[in-house]
Amino acid sequence: MRRYSKKKKQITRSNKVEEDGIKFASKLELHMYRLLRKNKIPSEYEGKTFTVVDGFDFQASSFEKTASKKILQDRGNKKILPIKYTPDFIDKKKPYRFIIECKGNPNEAFPIRWKLFKKHLADTGQSPALFMPRNQKDCEEVICLLKKIL
């Protein structure tokens, strides 16, 4: 009897691209980069990572199944890693005036991370303008809005 391994599901369909020595996760991010550069808007690509929820020690039992073991086993009593978020483009000036997240097709986990990021900004007293273009037309609209803000 033959066993077939399950193929891992692809999370995103984006094509990785490179320009100016920078590796972009999608063509949409590259398009946004080109527009920012063309309009001389100073920004950094994946320039800062925010910790939106700190890590912590979980001191109780937690019985869970894993991908490799199909039985319940204790996965508690260990350190839980922090939840971090790295936006695609961020203003070079501090305090940050804008943050851009290019998101063609968000996965199911992204909306929760985005809300946690917004909460982090509110809790730390930061108020940059947030943009989430979903296509190239949106990227061009972001540039128009940024010109008014800056």
Protein backbone atom coordinates (compact mmCIF):
# COMPACT_ATOMS: atom_id res chain seq x y z
CA MET A 1 0.00 0.00 0.00
CA ARG A 2 1.43 3.39 -1.03
CA ARG A 3 1.23 6.45 1.15
CA TYR A 4 0.99 9.85 -0.38
CA SER A 5 2.15 12.89 1.52
CA LYS A 6 -0.17 15.85 1.63
CA LYS A 7 1.06 18.91 -0.18
CA LYS A 8 1.29 22.07 1.86
CA LYS A 9 -1.29 24.68 0.96
CA GLN A 10 0.10 27.78 -0.64
CA ILE A 11 -0.65 30.81 1.51
CA THR A 12 -0.13 33.49 -1.14
CA ARG A 13 0.19 33.53 -4.90
CA SER A 14 2.49 36.53 -5.09
CA ASN A 15 5.60 36.50 -7.26
CA LYS A 16 8.83 37.55 -5.57
CA VAL A 17 10.64 40.28 -7.50
CA GLU A 18 13.87 42.24 -7.07
CA GLU A 19 14.92 45.79 -7.95
CA ASP A 20 17.75 48.01 -6.69
CA GLY A 21 19.01 45.10 -4.59
CA ILE A 22 15.73 44.92 -2.65
CA LYS A 23 13.71 41.70 -2.70
CA PHE A 24 10.00 42.49 -2.76
CA ALA A 25 7.36 39.95 -1.72
CA SER A 26 5.03 40.92 -4.59
CA LYS A 27 4.73 42.92 -7.79
CA LEU A 28 2.30 45.24 -6.00
CA GLU A 29 5.00 46.14 -3.46
CA LEU A 30 7.45 46.80 -6.32
CA HIS A 31 4.87 49.06 -8.00
CA MET A 32 4.40 51.01 -4.75
CA TYR A 33 8.19 51.31 -4.35
CA ARG A 34 8.56 52.72 -7.86
CA LEU A 35 5.78 55.27 -7.25
CA LEU A 36 7.28 56.41 -3.93
CA ARG A 37 10.73 56.76 -5.53
CA LYS A 38 9.37 58.57 -8.62
CA ASN A 39 7.51 61.07 -6.40
CA LYS A 40 10.52 61.52 -4.08
CA ILE A 41 8.61 60.41 -0.99
CA PRO A 42 11.20 59.21 1.57
CA SER A 43 10.32 55.75 2.86
CA GLU A 44 11.89 52.47 3.90
CA TYR A 45 10.87 49.02 2.69
CA GLU A 46 10.21 46.77 5.70
CA GLY A 47 12.23 49.26 7.75
CA LYS A 48 10.75 48.57 11.20
CA THR A 49 9.21 45.63 13.01
CA PHE A 50 6.64 46.37 15.72
CA THR A 51 5.95 43.99 18.62
CA VAL A 52 2.17 44.22 18.91
CA VAL A 53 1.81 41.61 21.68
CA ASP A 54 4.68 40.79 24.02
CA GLY A 55 5.80 37.21 24.57
CA PHE A 56 5.00 35.54 27.87
CA ASP A 57 5.46 32.36 29.91
CA PHE A 58 2.41 30.09 29.85
CA GLN A 59 2.47 28.15 33.14
CA ALA A 60 -0.43 25.76 32.60
CA SER A 61 -1.16 22.62 30.62
CA SER A 62 -2.50 22.95 27.10
CA PHE A 63 -3.49 19.70 25.40
CA GLU A 64 -3.34 20.08 21.63
CA LYS A 65 -2.87 18.03 18.48
CA THR A 66 0.03 18.84 16.18
CA ALA A 67 0.56 18.25 12.47
CA SER A 68 3.01 15.43 13.14
CA LYS A 69 1.19 13.76 16.05
CA LYS A 70 -2.53 13.15 15.77
CA ILE A 71 -3.05 12.65 19.51
CA LEU A 72 -3.61 15.21 22.23
CA GLN A 73 -0.38 16.04 23.99
CA ASP A 74 0.62 18.65 26.55
CA ARG A 75 2.05 21.68 24.70
CA GLY A 76 1.80 24.03 27.69
CA ASN A 77 4.30 25.17 30.30
CA LYS A 78 6.52 27.06 27.89
CA LYS A 79 7.37 30.50 26.55
CA ILE A 80 4.93 31.92 24.01
CA LEU A 81 6.63 34.05 21.36
CA PRO A 82 5.58 37.67 20.75
CA ILE A 83 3.32 38.68 17.86
CA LYS A 84 5.23 40.98 15.52
CA TYR A 85 4.24 43.03 12.51
CA THR A 86 6.45 44.54 9.79
CA PRO A 87 4.68 46.98 7.44
CA ASP A 88 5.79 47.13 3.81
CA PHE A 89 6.67 50.84 3.69
CA ILE A 90 7.23 53.27 6.51
CA ASP A 91 8.10 56.98 6.60
CA LYS A 92 11.80 57.73 7.12
CA LYS A 93 10.96 60.65 9.43
CA LYS A 94 10.02 60.16 13.07
CA PRO A 95 7.37 60.37 14.35
CA TYR A 96 6.08 58.34 11.43
CA ARG A 97 3.67 60.28 9.20
CA PHE A 98 2.55 57.29 7.13
CA ILE A 99 2.67 53.50 6.96
CA ILE A 100 1.75 51.53 3.84
CA GLU A 101 0.78 47.85 3.72
CA CYS A 102 0.32 46.52 0.17
CA LYS A 103 -2.14 43.66 0.44
CA GLY A 104 -3.49 42.08 -2.75
CA ASN A 105 -5.21 39.07 -1.19
CA PRO A 106 -4.98 39.00 2.61
CA ASN A 107 -4.90 35.59 4.27
CA GLU A 108 -7.28 34.74 7.10
CA ALA A 109 -4.78 35.70 9.84
CA PHE A 110 -3.99 39.18 8.50
CA PRO A 111 -7.11 41.08 9.71
CA ILE A 112 -6.35 40.10 13.32
CA ARG A 113 -2.70 41.17 13.01
CA TRP A 114 -3.80 44.47 11.40
CA LYS A 115 -6.23 45.20 14.26
CA LEU A 116 -3.54 44.37 16.83
CA PHE A 117 -1.16 46.73 15.01
CA LYS A 118 -3.75 49.54 15.09
CA LYS A 119 -4.26 48.93 18.81
CA HIS A 120 -0.49 49.03 19.35
CA LEU A 121 -0.30 52.41 17.58
CA ALA A 122 -3.19 53.77 19.68
CA ASP A 123 -1.71 52.43 22.94
CA THR A 124 1.70 53.98 22.21
CA GLY A 125 0.25 57.34 21.14
CA GLN A 126 1.37 57.08 17.52
CA SER A 127 -0.93 58.39 14.80
CA PRO A 128 0.54 57.88 11.33
CA ALA A 129 -1.79 57.74 8.34
CA LEU A 130 -2.31 54.07 7.43
CA PHE A 131 -2.78 52.95 3.84
CA MET A 132 -3.62 49.51 2.49
CA PRO A 133 -3.63 49.53 -1.32
CA ARG A 134 -5.05 46.36 -2.88
CA ASN A 135 -4.12 47.03 -6.53
CA GLN A 136 -2.01 49.36 -8.67
CA LYS A 137 -4.78 51.96 -9.00
CA ASP A 138 -4.99 52.11 -5.19
CA CYS A 139 -1.20 52.64 -5.04
CA GLU A 140 -1.52 55.66 -7.30
CA GLU A 141 -4.31 57.03 -5.11
CA VAL A 142 -2.09 56.57 -2.03
CA ILE A 143 0.56 58.74 -3.70
CA CYS A 144 -2.02 61.50 -4.32
CA LEU A 145 -3.13 61.36 -0.68
CA LEU A 146 0.47 61.37 0.56
CA LYS A 147 1.23 64.49 -1.47
CA LYS A 148 -1.60 66.27 0.37
CA ILE A 149 -0.46 65.03 3.80
CA LEU A 150 3.26 65.70 3.42
